[in-house]
PDB file of all heavy atoms in Angstrom:
ATOM      1  N   TYR A   1     -10.008   4.820  -1.650  1.00  0.00           N
ATOM      2  CA  TYR A   1      -8.979   3.986  -1.033  1.00  0.00           C
ATOM      3  C   TYR A   1      -9.257   3.942   0.461  1.00  0.00           C
ATOM      4  O   TYR A   1      -9.414   4.989   1.093  1.00  0.00           O
ATOM      5  CB  TYR A   1      -7.586   4.560  -1.288  1.00  0.00           C
ATOM      6  CG  TYR A   1      -7.281   4.685  -2.756  1.00  0.00           C
ATOM      7  CD1 TYR A   1      -7.536   5.872  -3.437  1.00  0.00           C
ATOM      8  CD2 TYR A   1      -6.759   3.610  -3.461  1.00  0.00           C
ATOM      9  CE1 TYR A   1      -7.277   5.986  -4.785  1.00  0.00           C
ATOM     10  CE2 TYR A   1      -6.496   3.721  -4.824  1.00  0.00           C
ATOM     11  CZ  TYR A   1      -6.766   4.907  -5.474  1.00  0.00           C
ATOM     12  OH  TYR A   1      -6.518   5.026  -6.818  1.00  0.00           O
ATOM     13  N   ALA A   2      -9.345   2.719   0.999  1.00  0.00           N
ATOM     14  CA  ALA A   2      -9.558   2.529   2.432  1.00  0.00           C
ATOM     15  C   ALA A   2      -8.282   1.948   3.022  1.00  0.00           C
ATOM     16  O   ALA A   2      -7.744   0.966   2.510  1.00  0.00           O
ATOM     17  CB  ALA A   2     -10.731   1.580   2.676  1.00  0.00           C
ATOM     18  N   LEU A   3      -7.789   2.550   4.079  1.00  0.00           N
ATOM     19  CA  LEU A   3      -6.591   2.098   4.771  1.00  0.00           C
ATOM     20  C   LEU A   3      -7.007   1.676   6.174  1.00  0.00           C
ATOM     21  O   LEU A   3      -7.381   2.518   6.994  1.00  0.00           O
ATOM     22  CB  LEU A   3      -5.558   3.217   4.818  1.00  0.00           C
ATOM     23  CG  LEU A   3      -4.223   2.882   5.464  1.00  0.00           C
ATOM     24  CD1 LEU A   3      -3.482   1.834   4.632  1.00  0.00           C
ATOM     25  CD2 LEU A   3      -3.380   4.128   5.604  1.00  0.00           C
ATOM     26  N   ALA A   4      -6.991   0.370   6.410  1.00  0.00           N
ATOM     27  CA  ALA A   4      -7.435  -0.181   7.691  1.00  0.00           C
ATOM     28  C   ALA A   4      -6.227  -0.514   8.557  1.00  0.00           C
ATOM     29  O   ALA A   4      -5.411  -1.377   8.209  1.00  0.00           O
ATOM     30  CB  ALA A   4      -8.283  -1.424   7.466  1.00  0.00           C
ATOM     31  N   LYS A   5      -6.113   0.181   9.678  1.00  0.00           N
ATOM     32  CA  LYS A   5      -5.006  -0.032  10.616  1.00  0.00           C
ATOM     33  C   LYS A   5      -5.220  -1.354  11.350  1.00  0.00           C
ATOM     34  O   LYS A   5      -6.312  -1.642  11.838  1.00  0.00           O
ATOM     35  CB  LYS A   5      -4.980   1.133  11.595  1.00  0.00           C
ATOM     36  CG  LYS A   5      -3.875   1.084  12.595  1.00  0.00           C
ATOM     37  CD  LYS A   5      -3.952   2.300  13.495  1.00  0.00           C
ATOM     38  CE  LYS A   5      -3.151   2.075  14.741  1.00  0.00           C
ATOM     39  NZ  LYS A   5      -3.455   3.071  15.760  1.00  0.00           N
ATOM     40  N   MET A   6      -4.174  -2.169  11.412  1.00  0.00           N
ATOM     41  CA  MET A   6      -4.241  -3.466  12.097  1.00  0.00           C
ATOM     42  C   MET A   6      -3.827  -3.311  13.551  1.00  0.00           C
ATOM     43  O   MET A   6      -3.090  -2.387  13.909  1.00  0.00           O
ATOM     44  CB  MET A   6      -3.308  -4.481  11.412  1.00  0.00           C
ATOM     45  CG  MET A   6      -3.705  -4.840   9.995  1.00  0.00           C
ATOM     46  SD  MET A   6      -5.291  -5.696   9.886  1.00  0.00           S
ATOM     47  CE  MET A   6      -6.364  -4.363   9.359  1.00  0.00           C
ATOM     48  N   PRO A   7      -4.297  -4.231  14.417  1.00  0.00           N
ATOM     49  CA  PRO A   7      -3.914  -4.154  15.827  1.00  0.00           C
ATOM     50  C   PRO A   7      -2.405  -4.337  15.996  1.00  0.00           C
ATOM     51  O   PRO A   7      -1.805  -5.175  15.333  1.00  0.00           O
ATOM     52  CB  PRO A   7      -4.660  -5.309  16.486  1.00  0.00           C
ATOM     53  CG  PRO A   7      -5.450  -5.993  15.433  1.00  0.00           C
ATOM     54  CD  PRO A   7      -5.170  -5.343  14.120  1.00  0.00           C
ATOM     55  N   LEU A   8      -1.820  -3.538  16.861  1.00  0.00           N
ATOM     56  CA  LEU A   8      -0.395  -3.627  17.130  1.00  0.00           C
ATOM     57  C   LEU A   8      -0.093  -4.963  17.813  1.00  0.00           C
ATOM     58  O   LEU A   8      -0.709  -5.312  18.808  1.00  0.00           O
ATOM     59  CB  LEU A   8       0.036  -2.465  18.035  1.00  0.00           C
ATOM     60  CG  LEU A   8       1.515  -2.318  18.303  1.00  0.00           C
ATOM     61  CD1 LEU A   8       2.276  -2.071  17.009  1.00  0.00           C
ATOM     62  CD2 LEU A   8       1.748  -1.170  19.262  1.00  0.00           C
ATOM     63  N   ASN A   9       0.834  -5.717  17.248  1.00  0.00           N
ATOM     64  CA  ASN A   9       1.232  -7.022  17.778  1.00  0.00           C
ATOM     65  C   ASN A   9       0.052  -7.981  17.912  1.00  0.00           C
ATOM     66  O   ASN A   9       0.018  -8.812  18.816  1.00  0.00           O
ATOM     67  CB  ASN A   9       1.933  -6.882  19.133  1.00  0.00           C
ATOM     68  CG  ASN A   9       3.221  -6.106  19.002  1.00  0.00           C
ATOM     69  OD1 ASN A   9       3.950  -6.265  18.026  1.00  0.00           O
ATOM     70  ND2 ASN A   9       3.496  -5.241  19.952  1.00  0.00           N
ATOM     71  N   GLY A  10      -0.937  -7.839  17.019  1.00  0.00           N
ATOM     72  CA  GLY A  10      -2.096  -8.722  17.062  1.00  0.00           C
ATOM     73  C   GLY A  10      -2.305  -9.419  15.736  1.00  0.00           C
ATOM     74  O   GLY A  10      -1.641  -9.134  14.745  1.00  0.00           O
ATOM     75  N   ALA A  11      -3.247 -10.337  15.739  1.00  0.00           N
ATOM     76  CA  ALA A  11      -3.574 -11.087  14.536  1.00  0.00           C
ATOM     77  C   ALA A  11      -4.403 -10.231  13.586  1.00  0.00           C
ATOM     78  O   ALA A  11      -5.169  -9.372  14.017  1.00  0.00           O
ATOM     79  CB  ALA A  11      -4.345 -12.347  14.912  1.00  0.00           C
ATOM     80  N   VAL A  12      -4.260 -10.485  12.313  1.00  0.00           N
ATOM     81  CA  VAL A  12      -5.081  -9.820  11.305  1.00  0.00           C
ATOM     82  C   VAL A  12      -6.488 -10.409  11.423  1.00  0.00           C
ATOM     83  O   VAL A  12      -6.654 -11.631  11.439  1.00  0.00           O
ATOM     84  CB  VAL A  12      -4.503 -10.057   9.889  1.00  0.00           C
ATOM     85  CG1 VAL A  12      -5.431  -9.515   8.829  1.00  0.00           C
ATOM     86  CG2 VAL A  12      -3.123  -9.438   9.775  1.00  0.00           C
ATOM     87  N   PRO A  13      -7.530  -9.567  11.521  1.00  0.00           N
ATOM     88  CA  PRO A  13      -8.889 -10.090  11.650  1.00  0.00           C
ATOM     89  C   PRO A  13      -9.371 -10.741  10.356  1.00  0.00           C
ATOM     90  O   PRO A  13      -8.875 -10.426   9.266  1.00  0.00           O
ATOM     91  CB  PRO A  13      -9.716  -8.848  11.985  1.00  0.00           C
ATOM     92  CG  PRO A  13      -8.939  -7.708  11.470  1.00  0.00           C
ATOM     93  CD  PRO A  13      -7.490  -8.107  11.542  1.00  0.00           C
ATOM     94  N   ALA A  14     -10.349 -11.634  10.460  1.00  0.00           N
ATOM     95  CA  ALA A  14     -10.908 -12.333   9.303  1.00  0.00           C
ATOM     96  C   ALA A  14     -11.680 -11.384   8.394  1.00  0.00           C
ATOM     97  O   ALA A  14     -11.852 -11.649   7.212  1.00  0.00           O
ATOM     98  CB  ALA A  14     -11.797 -13.480   9.755  1.00  0.00           C
ATOM     99  N   ALA A  15     -12.172 -10.277   8.967  1.00  0.00           N
ATOM    100  CA  ALA A  15     -12.922  -9.298   8.180  1.00  0.00           C
ATOM    101  C   ALA A  15     -12.640  -7.899   8.704  1.00  0.00           C
ATOM    102  O   ALA A  15     -12.382  -7.709   9.890  1.00  0.00           O
ATOM    103  CB  ALA A  15     -14.412  -9.591   8.247  1.00  0.00           C
ATOM    104  N   ILE A  16     -12.684  -6.938   7.793  1.00  0.00           N
ATOM    105  CA  ILE A  16     -12.549  -5.520   8.120  1.00  0.00           C
ATOM    106  C   ILE A  16     -13.919  -4.897   7.885  1.00  0.00           C
ATOM    107  O   ILE A  16     -14.549  -5.155   6.853  1.00  0.00           O
ATOM    108  CB  ILE A  16     -11.515  -4.825   7.198  1.00  0.00           C
ATOM    109  CG1 ILE A  16     -10.172  -5.544   7.210  1.00  0.00           C
ATOM    110  CG2 ILE A  16     -11.383  -3.351   7.539  1.00  0.00           C
ATOM    111  CD1 ILE A  16      -9.431  -5.491   8.506  1.00  0.00           C
ATOM    112  N   GLU A  17     -14.392  -4.071   8.819  1.00  0.00           N
ATOM    113  CA  GLU A  17     -15.695  -3.436   8.670  1.00  0.00           C
ATOM    114  C   GLU A  17     -15.589  -1.936   8.878  1.00  0.00           C
ATOM    115  O   GLU A  17     -14.772  -1.479   9.669  1.00  0.00           O
ATOM    116  CB  GLU A  17     -16.688  -4.018   9.674  1.00  0.00           C
ATOM    117  CG  GLU A  17     -16.950  -5.497   9.469  1.00  0.00           C
ATOM    118  CD  GLU A  17     -18.013  -6.040  10.410  1.00  0.00           C
ATOM    119  OE1 GLU A  17     -18.939  -5.292  10.778  1.00  0.00           O
ATOM    120  OE2 GLU A  17     -17.901  -7.217  10.780  1.00  0.00           O
ATOM    121  N   TRP A  18     -16.423  -1.202   8.122  1.00  0.00           N
ATOM    122  CA  TRP A  18     -16.536   0.238   8.331  1.00  0.00           C
ATOM    123  C   TRP A  18     -17.935   0.692   7.955  1.00  0.00           C
ATOM    124  O   TRP A  18     -18.688  -0.034   7.321  1.00  0.00           O
ATOM    125  CB  TRP A  18     -15.466   1.002   7.558  1.00  0.00           C
ATOM    126  CG  TRP A  18     -15.527   0.902   6.061  1.00  0.00           C
ATOM    127  CD1 TRP A  18     -16.391   1.566   5.228  1.00  0.00           C
ATOM    128  CD2 TRP A  18     -14.677   0.124   5.215  1.00  0.00           C
ATOM    129  NE1 TRP A  18     -16.137   1.261   3.928  1.00  0.00           N
ATOM    130  CE2 TRP A  18     -15.084   0.370   3.881  1.00  0.00           C
ATOM    131  CE3 TRP A  18     -13.624  -0.737   5.436  1.00  0.00           C
ATOM    132  CZ2 TRP A  18     -14.465  -0.237   2.791  1.00  0.00           C
ATOM    133  CZ3 TRP A  18     -13.021  -1.322   4.353  1.00  0.00           C
ATOM    134  CH2 TRP A  18     -13.429  -1.076   3.067  1.00  0.00           C
ATOM    135  N   THR A  19     -18.261   1.909   8.362  1.00  0.00           N
ATOM    136  CA  THR A  19     -19.563   2.500   8.087  1.00  0.00           C
ATOM    137  C   THR A  19     -19.395   3.617   7.065  1.00  0.00           C
ATOM    138  O   THR A  19     -18.481   4.428   7.169  1.00  0.00           O
ATOM    139  CB  THR A  19     -20.181   3.072   9.378  1.00  0.00           C
ATOM    140  OG1 THR A  19     -20.275   2.011  10.333  1.00  0.00           O
ATOM    141  CG2 THR A  19     -21.555   3.648   9.125  1.00  0.00           C
ATOM    142  N   GLY A  20     -20.295   3.651   6.072  1.00  0.00           N
ATOM    143  CA  GLY A  20     -20.233   4.679   5.039  1.00  0.00           C
ATOM    144  C   GLY A  20     -19.207   4.341   3.975  1.00  0.00           C
ATOM    145  O   GLY A  20     -18.643   3.246   3.952  1.00  0.00           O
ATOM    146  N   ASN A  21     -18.966   5.285   3.064  1.00  0.00           N
ATOM    147  CA  ASN A  21     -18.007   5.091   1.972  1.00  0.00           C
ATOM    148  C   ASN A  21     -18.255   3.761   1.263  1.00  0.00           C
ATOM    149  O   ASN A  21     -17.349   2.938   1.105  1.00  0.00           O
ATOM    150  CB  ASN A  21     -16.576   5.190   2.479  1.00  0.00           C
ATOM    151  CG  ASN A  21     -16.242   6.573   2.964  1.00  0.00           C
ATOM    152  OD1 ASN A  21     -16.463   7.559   2.262  1.00  0.00           O
ATOM    153  ND2 ASN A  21     -15.734   6.677   4.175  1.00  0.00           N
ATOM    154  N   LEU A  22     -19.515   3.565   0.850  1.00  0.00           N
ATOM    155  CA  LEU A  22     -19.933   2.311   0.236  1.00  0.00           C
ATOM    156  C   LEU A  22     -19.354   2.131  -1.166  1.00  0.00           C
ATOM    157  O   LEU A  22     -19.306   3.075  -1.948  1.00  0.00           O
ATOM    158  CB  LEU A  22     -21.457   2.263   0.130  1.00  0.00           C
ATOM    159  CG  LEU A  22     -22.216   2.339   1.450  1.00  0.00           C
ATOM    160  CD1 LEU A  22     -23.711   2.437   1.174  1.00  0.00           C
ATOM    161  CD2 LEU A  22     -21.913   1.158   2.326  1.00  0.00           C
ATOM    162  N   PRO A  23     -18.935   0.894  -1.489  1.00  0.00           N
ATOM    163  CA  PRO A  23     -18.506   0.605  -2.857  1.00  0.00           C
ATOM    164  C   PRO A  23     -19.707   0.667  -3.799  1.00  0.00           C
ATOM    165  O   PRO A  23     -20.845   0.451  -3.397  1.00  0.00           O
ATOM    166  CB  PRO A  23     -17.980  -0.831  -2.776  1.00  0.00           C
ATOM    167  CG  PRO A  23     -17.760  -1.095  -1.328  1.00  0.00           C
ATOM    168  CD  PRO A  23     -18.736  -0.246  -0.600  1.00  0.00           C
ATOM    169  N   LYS A  24     -19.436   0.940  -5.057  1.00  0.00           N
ATOM    170  CA  LYS A  24     -20.465   0.928  -6.085  1.00  0.00           C
ATOM    171  C   LYS A  24     -20.995  -0.495  -6.211  1.00  0.00           C
ATOM    172  O   LYS A  24     -20.214  -1.451  -6.222  1.00  0.00           O
ATOM    173  CB  LYS A  24     -19.873   1.401  -7.405  1.00  0.00           C
ATOM    174  CG  LYS A  24     -20.852   1.505  -8.521  1.00  0.00           C
ATOM    175  CD  LYS A  24     -20.169   2.058  -9.760  1.00  0.00           C
ATOM    176  CE  LYS A  24     -21.137   2.159 -10.901  1.00  0.00           C
ATOM    177  NZ  LYS A  24     -20.493   2.691 -12.108  1.00  0.00           N
ATOM    178  N   LYS A  25     -22.305  -0.638  -6.284  1.00  0.00           N
ATOM    179  CA  LYS A  25     -22.921  -1.960  -6.377  1.00  0.00           C
ATOM    180  C   LYS A  25     -22.358  -2.708  -7.588  1.00  0.00           C
ATOM    181  O   LYS A  25     -22.285  -2.174  -8.689  1.00  0.00           O
ATOM    182  CB  LYS A  25     -24.430  -1.817  -6.506  1.00  0.00           C
ATOM    183  CG  LYS A  25     -25.159  -3.129  -6.425  1.00  0.00           C
ATOM    184  CD  LYS A  25     -26.644  -2.935  -6.423  1.00  0.00           C
ATOM    185  CE  LYS A  25     -27.313  -4.299  -6.293  1.00  0.00           C
ATOM    186  NZ  LYS A  25     -28.750  -4.170  -6.178  1.00  0.00           N
ATOM    187  N   GLY A  26     -21.925  -3.948  -7.348  1.00  0.00           N
ATOM    188  CA  GLY A  26     -21.381  -4.780  -8.414  1.00  0.00           C
ATOM    189  C   GLY A  26     -19.918  -4.533  -8.742  1.00  0.00           C
ATOM    190  O   GLY A  26     -19.358  -5.204  -9.603  1.00  0.00           O
ATOM    191  N   SER A  27     -19.290  -3.567  -8.058  1.00  0.00           N
ATOM    192  CA  SER A  27     -17.881  -3.282  -8.358  1.00  0.00           C
ATOM    193  C   SER A  27     -16.966  -4.278  -7.651  1.00  0.00           C
ATOM    194  O   SER A  27     -17.384  -5.005  -6.753  1.00  0.00           O
ATOM    195  CB  SER A  27     -17.524  -1.856  -7.946  1.00  0.00           C
ATOM    196  OG  SER A  27     -17.555  -1.715  -6.547  1.00  0.00           O
ATOM    197  N   LYS A  28     -15.714  -4.280  -8.060  1.00  0.00           N
ATOM    198  CA  LYS A  28     -14.711  -5.153  -7.440  1.00  0.00           C
ATOM    199  C   LYS A  28     -13.863  -4.332  -6.496  1.00  0.00           C
ATOM    200  O   LYS A  28     -13.639  -3.148  -6.721  1.00  0.00           O
ATOM    201  CB  LYS A  28     -13.834  -5.791  -8.512  1.00  0.00           C
ATOM    202  CG  LYS A  28     -14.585  -6.774  -9.382  1.00  0.00           C
ATOM    203  CD  LYS A  28     -13.649  -7.431 -10.360  1.00  0.00           C
ATOM    204  CE  LYS A  28     -14.393  -8.455 -11.191  1.00  0.00           C
ATOM    205  NZ  LYS A  28     -13.498  -9.195 -12.065  1.00  0.00           N
ATOM    206  N   MET A  29     -13.390  -4.993  -5.443  1.00  0.00           N
ATOM    207  CA  MET A  29     -12.512  -4.345  -4.470  1.00  0.00           C
ATOM    208  C   MET A  29     -11.169  -5.071  -4.488  1.00  0.00           C
ATOM    209  O   MET A  29     -11.123  -6.297  -4.422  1.00  0.00           O
ATOM    210  CB  MET A  29     -13.120  -4.396  -3.073  1.00  0.00           C
ATOM    211  CG  MET A  29     -12.312  -3.636  -2.057  1.00  0.00           C
ATOM    212  SD  MET A  29     -13.060  -3.599  -0.404  1.00  0.00           S
ATOM    213  CE  MET A  29     -14.585  -2.739  -0.706  1.00  0.00           C
ATOM    214  N   LYS A  30     -10.099  -4.290  -4.587  1.00  0.00           N
ATOM    215  CA  LYS A  30      -8.760  -4.857  -4.677  1.00  0.00           C
ATOM    216  C   LYS A  30      -7.985  -4.599  -3.384  1.00  0.00           C
ATOM    217  O   LYS A  30      -8.002  -3.489  -2.857  1.00  0.00           O
ATOM    218  CB  LYS A  30      -8.010  -4.228  -5.844  1.00  0.00           C
ATOM    219  CG  LYS A  30      -6.651  -4.839  -6.112  1.00  0.00           C
ATOM    220  CD  LYS A  30      -5.849  -4.081  -7.154  1.00  0.00           C
ATOM    221  CE  LYS A  30      -6.520  -4.083  -8.494  1.00  0.00           C
ATOM    222  NZ  LYS A  30      -5.696  -3.417  -9.542  1.00  0.00           N
ATOM    223  N   LEU A  31      -7.311  -5.634  -2.894  1.00  0.00           N
ATOM    224  CA  LEU A  31      -6.383  -5.487  -1.780  1.00  0.00           C
ATOM    225  C   LEU A  31      -5.063  -5.053  -2.397  1.00  0.00           C
ATOM    226  O   LEU A  31      -4.447  -5.800  -3.173  1.00  0.00           O
ATOM    227  CB  LEU A  31      -6.230  -6.805  -1.025  1.00  0.00           C
ATOM    228  CG  LEU A  31      -5.211  -6.821   0.101  1.00  0.00           C
ATOM    229  CD1 LEU A  31      -5.557  -5.803   1.189  1.00  0.00           C
ATOM    230  CD2 LEU A  31      -5.117  -8.220   0.701  1.00  0.00           C
ATOM    231  N   LEU A  32      -4.623  -3.847  -2.106  1.00  0.00           N
ATOM    232  CA  LEU A  32      -3.453  -3.289  -2.786  1.00  0.00           C
ATOM    233  C   LEU A  32      -2.154  -4.028  -2.467  1.00  0.00           C
ATOM    234  O   LEU A  32      -1.248  -4.066  -3.299  1.00  0.00           O
ATOM    235  CB  LEU A  32      -3.324  -1.800  -2.484  1.00  0.00           C
ATOM    236  CG  LEU A  32      -4.467  -0.949  -3.059  1.00  0.00           C
ATOM    237  CD1 LEU A  32      -4.282   0.508  -2.681  1.00  0.00           C
ATOM    238  CD2 LEU A  32      -4.560  -1.107  -4.562  1.00  0.00           C
ATOM    239  N   GLN A  33      -2.038  -4.630  -1.290  1.00  0.00           N
ATOM    240  CA  GLN A  33      -0.809  -5.351  -0.949  1.00  0.00           C
ATOM    241  C   GLN A  33      -0.563  -6.531  -1.880  1.00  0.00           C
ATOM    242  O   GLN A  33       0.580  -6.872  -2.161  1.00  0.00           O
ATOM    243  CB  GLN A  33      -0.847  -5.869   0.504  1.00  0.00           C
ATOM    244  CG  GLN A  33      -0.492  -4.827   1.519  1.00  0.00           C
ATOM    245  CD  GLN A  33      -1.714  -4.074   2.035  1.00  0.00           C
ATOM    246  OE1 GLN A  33      -2.739  -3.950   1.387  1.00  0.00           O
ATOM    247  NE2 GLN A  33      -1.598  -3.529   3.236  1.00  0.00           N
ATOM    248  N   THR A  34      -1.644  -7.178  -2.340  1.00  0.00           N
ATOM    249  CA  THR A  34      -1.497  -8.367  -3.176  1.00  0.00           C
ATOM    250  C   THR A  34      -1.896  -8.118  -4.623  1.00  0.00           C
ATOM    251  O   THR A  34      -1.531  -8.896  -5.500  1.00  0.00           O
ATOM    252  CB  THR A  34      -2.374  -9.514  -2.639  1.00  0.00           C
ATOM    253  OG1 THR A  34      -3.749  -9.131  -2.739  1.00  0.00           O
ATOM    254  CG2 THR A  34      -2.009  -9.869  -1.208  1.00  0.00           C
ATOM    255  N   GLY A  35      -2.672  -7.065  -4.875  1.00  0.00           N
ATOM    256  CA  GLY A  35      -3.183  -6.815  -6.212  1.00  0.00           C
ATOM    257  C   GLY A  35      -4.347  -7.720  -6.580  1.00  0.00           C
ATOM    258  O   GLY A  35      -4.816  -7.714  -7.709  1.00  0.00           O
ATOM    259  N   LYS A  36      -4.828  -8.510  -5.610  1.00  0.00           N
ATOM    260  CA  LYS A  36      -5.922  -9.449  -5.864  1.00  0.00           C
ATOM    261  C   LYS A  36      -7.237  -8.887  -5.334  1.00  0.00           C
ATOM    262  O   LYS A  36      -7.264  -8.089  -4.400  1.00  0.00           O
ATOM    263  CB  LYS A  36      -5.623 -10.795  -5.212  1.00  0.00           C
ATOM    264  CG  LYS A  36      -4.404 -11.459  -5.833  1.00  0.00           C
ATOM    265  CD  LYS A  36      -4.165 -12.816  -5.252  1.00  0.00           C
ATOM    266  CE  LYS A  36      -2.950 -13.448  -5.917  1.00  0.00           C
ATOM    267  NZ  LYS A  36      -2.658 -14.765  -5.407  1.00  0.00           N
ATOM    268  N   TYR A  37      -8.312  -9.350  -5.952  1.00  0.00           N
ATOM    269  CA  TYR A  37      -9.635  -8.909  -5.528  1.00  0.00           C
ATOM    270  C   TYR A  37     -10.085  -9.677  -4.295  1.00  0.00           C
ATOM    271  O   TYR A  37      -9.726 -10.842  -4.109  1.00  0.00           O
ATOM    272  CB  TYR A  37     -10.634  -9.084  -6.665  1.00  0.00           C
ATOM    273  CG  TYR A  37     -10.338  -8.159  -7.820  1.00  0.00           C
ATOM    274  CD1 TYR A  37      -9.778  -8.643  -8.992  1.00  0.00           C
ATOM    275  CD2 TYR A  37     -10.584  -6.792  -7.721  1.00  0.00           C
ATOM    276  CE1 TYR A  37      -9.482  -7.787 -10.046  1.00  0.00           C
ATOM    277  CE2 TYR A  37     -10.287  -5.928  -8.765  1.00  0.00           C
ATOM    278  CZ  TYR A  37      -9.744  -6.437  -9.920  1.00  0.00           C
ATOM    279  OH  TYR A  37      -9.446  -5.590 -10.952  1.00  0.00           O
ATOM    280  N   VAL A  38     -10.850  -8.998  -3.444  1.00  0.00           N
ATOM    281  CA  VAL A  38     -11.369  -9.601  -2.220  1.00  0.00           C
ATOM    282  C   VAL A  38     -12.888  -9.551  -2.245  1.00  0.00           C
ATOM    283  O   VAL A  38     -13.498  -8.745  -2.941  1.00  0.00           O
ATOM    284  CB  VAL A  38     -10.840  -8.868  -0.961  1.00  0.00           C
ATOM    285  CG1 VAL A  38      -9.350  -9.066  -0.808  1.00  0.00           C
ATOM    286  CG2 VAL A  38     -11.177  -7.386  -1.000  1.00  0.00           C
ATOM    287  N   LYS A  39     -13.503 -10.434  -1.471  1.00  0.00           N
ATOM    288  CA  LYS A  39     -14.956 -10.468  -1.355  1.00  0.00           C
ATOM    289  C   LYS A  39     -15.398  -9.407  -0.361  1.00  0.00           C
ATOM    290  O   LYS A  39     -14.716  -9.170   0.642  1.00  0.00           O
ATOM    291  CB  LYS A  39     -15.415 -11.847  -0.901  1.00  0.00           C
ATOM    292  CG  LYS A  39     -15.151 -12.920  -1.922  1.00  0.00           C
ATOM    293  CD  LYS A  39     -15.623 -14.262  -1.416  1.00  0.00           C
ATOM    294  CE  LYS A  39     -15.311 -15.342  -2.440  1.00  0.00           C
ATOM    295  NZ  LYS A  39     -15.735 -16.663  -1.991  1.00  0.00           N
ATOM    296  N   TRP A  40     -16.553  -8.793  -0.638  1.00  0.00           N
ATOM    297  CA  TRP A  40     -17.095  -7.791   0.262  1.00  0.00           C
ATOM    298  C   TRP A  40     -18.612  -7.831   0.198  1.00  0.00           C
ATOM    299  O   TRP A  40     -19.201  -8.296  -0.776  1.00  0.00           O
ATOM    300  CB  TRP A  40     -16.559  -6.403  -0.069  1.00  0.00           C
ATOM    301  CG  TRP A  40     -16.900  -5.926  -1.454  1.00  0.00           C
ATOM    302  CD1 TRP A  40     -16.159  -6.131  -2.587  1.00  0.00           C
ATOM    303  CD2 TRP A  40     -18.051  -5.193  -1.864  1.00  0.00           C
ATOM    304  NE1 TRP A  40     -16.782  -5.562  -3.667  1.00  0.00           N
ATOM    305  CE2 TRP A  40     -17.955  -4.980  -3.247  1.00  0.00           C
ATOM    306  CE3 TRP A  40     -19.167  -4.687  -1.192  1.00  0.00           C
ATOM    307  CZ2 TRP A  40     -18.919  -4.297  -3.971  1.00  0.00           C
ATOM    308  CZ3 TRP A  40     -20.126  -3.999  -1.918  1.00  0.00           C
ATOM    309  CH2 TRP A  40     -19.996  -3.806  -3.285  1.00  0.00           C
ATOM    310  N   THR A  41     -19.240  -7.368   1.266  1.00  0.00           N
ATOM    311  CA  THR A  41     -20.694  -7.271   1.330  1.00  0.00           C
ATOM    312  C   THR A  41     -21.063  -5.951   1.994  1.00  0.00           C
ATOM    313  O   THR A  41     -20.238  -5.329   2.671  1.00  0.00           O
ATOM    314  CB  THR A  41     -21.314  -8.423   2.150  1.00  0.00           C
ATOM    315  OG1 THR A  41     -20.807  -8.361   3.488  1.00  0.00           O
ATOM    316  CG2 THR A  41     -21.005  -9.783   1.546  1.00  0.00           C
ATOM    317  N   THR A  42     -22.309  -5.552   1.797  1.00  0.00           N
ATOM    318  CA  THR A  42     -22.837  -4.396   2.510  1.00  0.00           C
ATOM    319  C   THR A  42     -24.128  -4.794   3.189  1.00  0.00           C
ATOM    320  O   THR A  42     -24.842  -5.683   2.731  1.00  0.00           O
ATOM    321  CB  THR A  42     -23.111  -3.197   1.574  1.00  0.00           C
ATOM    322  OG1 THR A  42     -24.037  -3.594   0.570  1.00  0.00           O
ATOM    323  CG2 THR A  42     -21.843  -2.684   0.935  1.00  0.00           C
TER     324      THR A  42
END
C-alpha cells in the first residue's frame, strides 16, 4: 500500500512518482479512494 501525501492547498498532480517498492510486472494497481484501477509504468 502506497500513501502519497498531496500538497497542502495545492492541485493534485497528474502523476505520482516514487523510487523502489516496485509493483509486480503485469499486476494491476488500485486507487483505494475510488476502487478503480489506475495506469502505471516503471
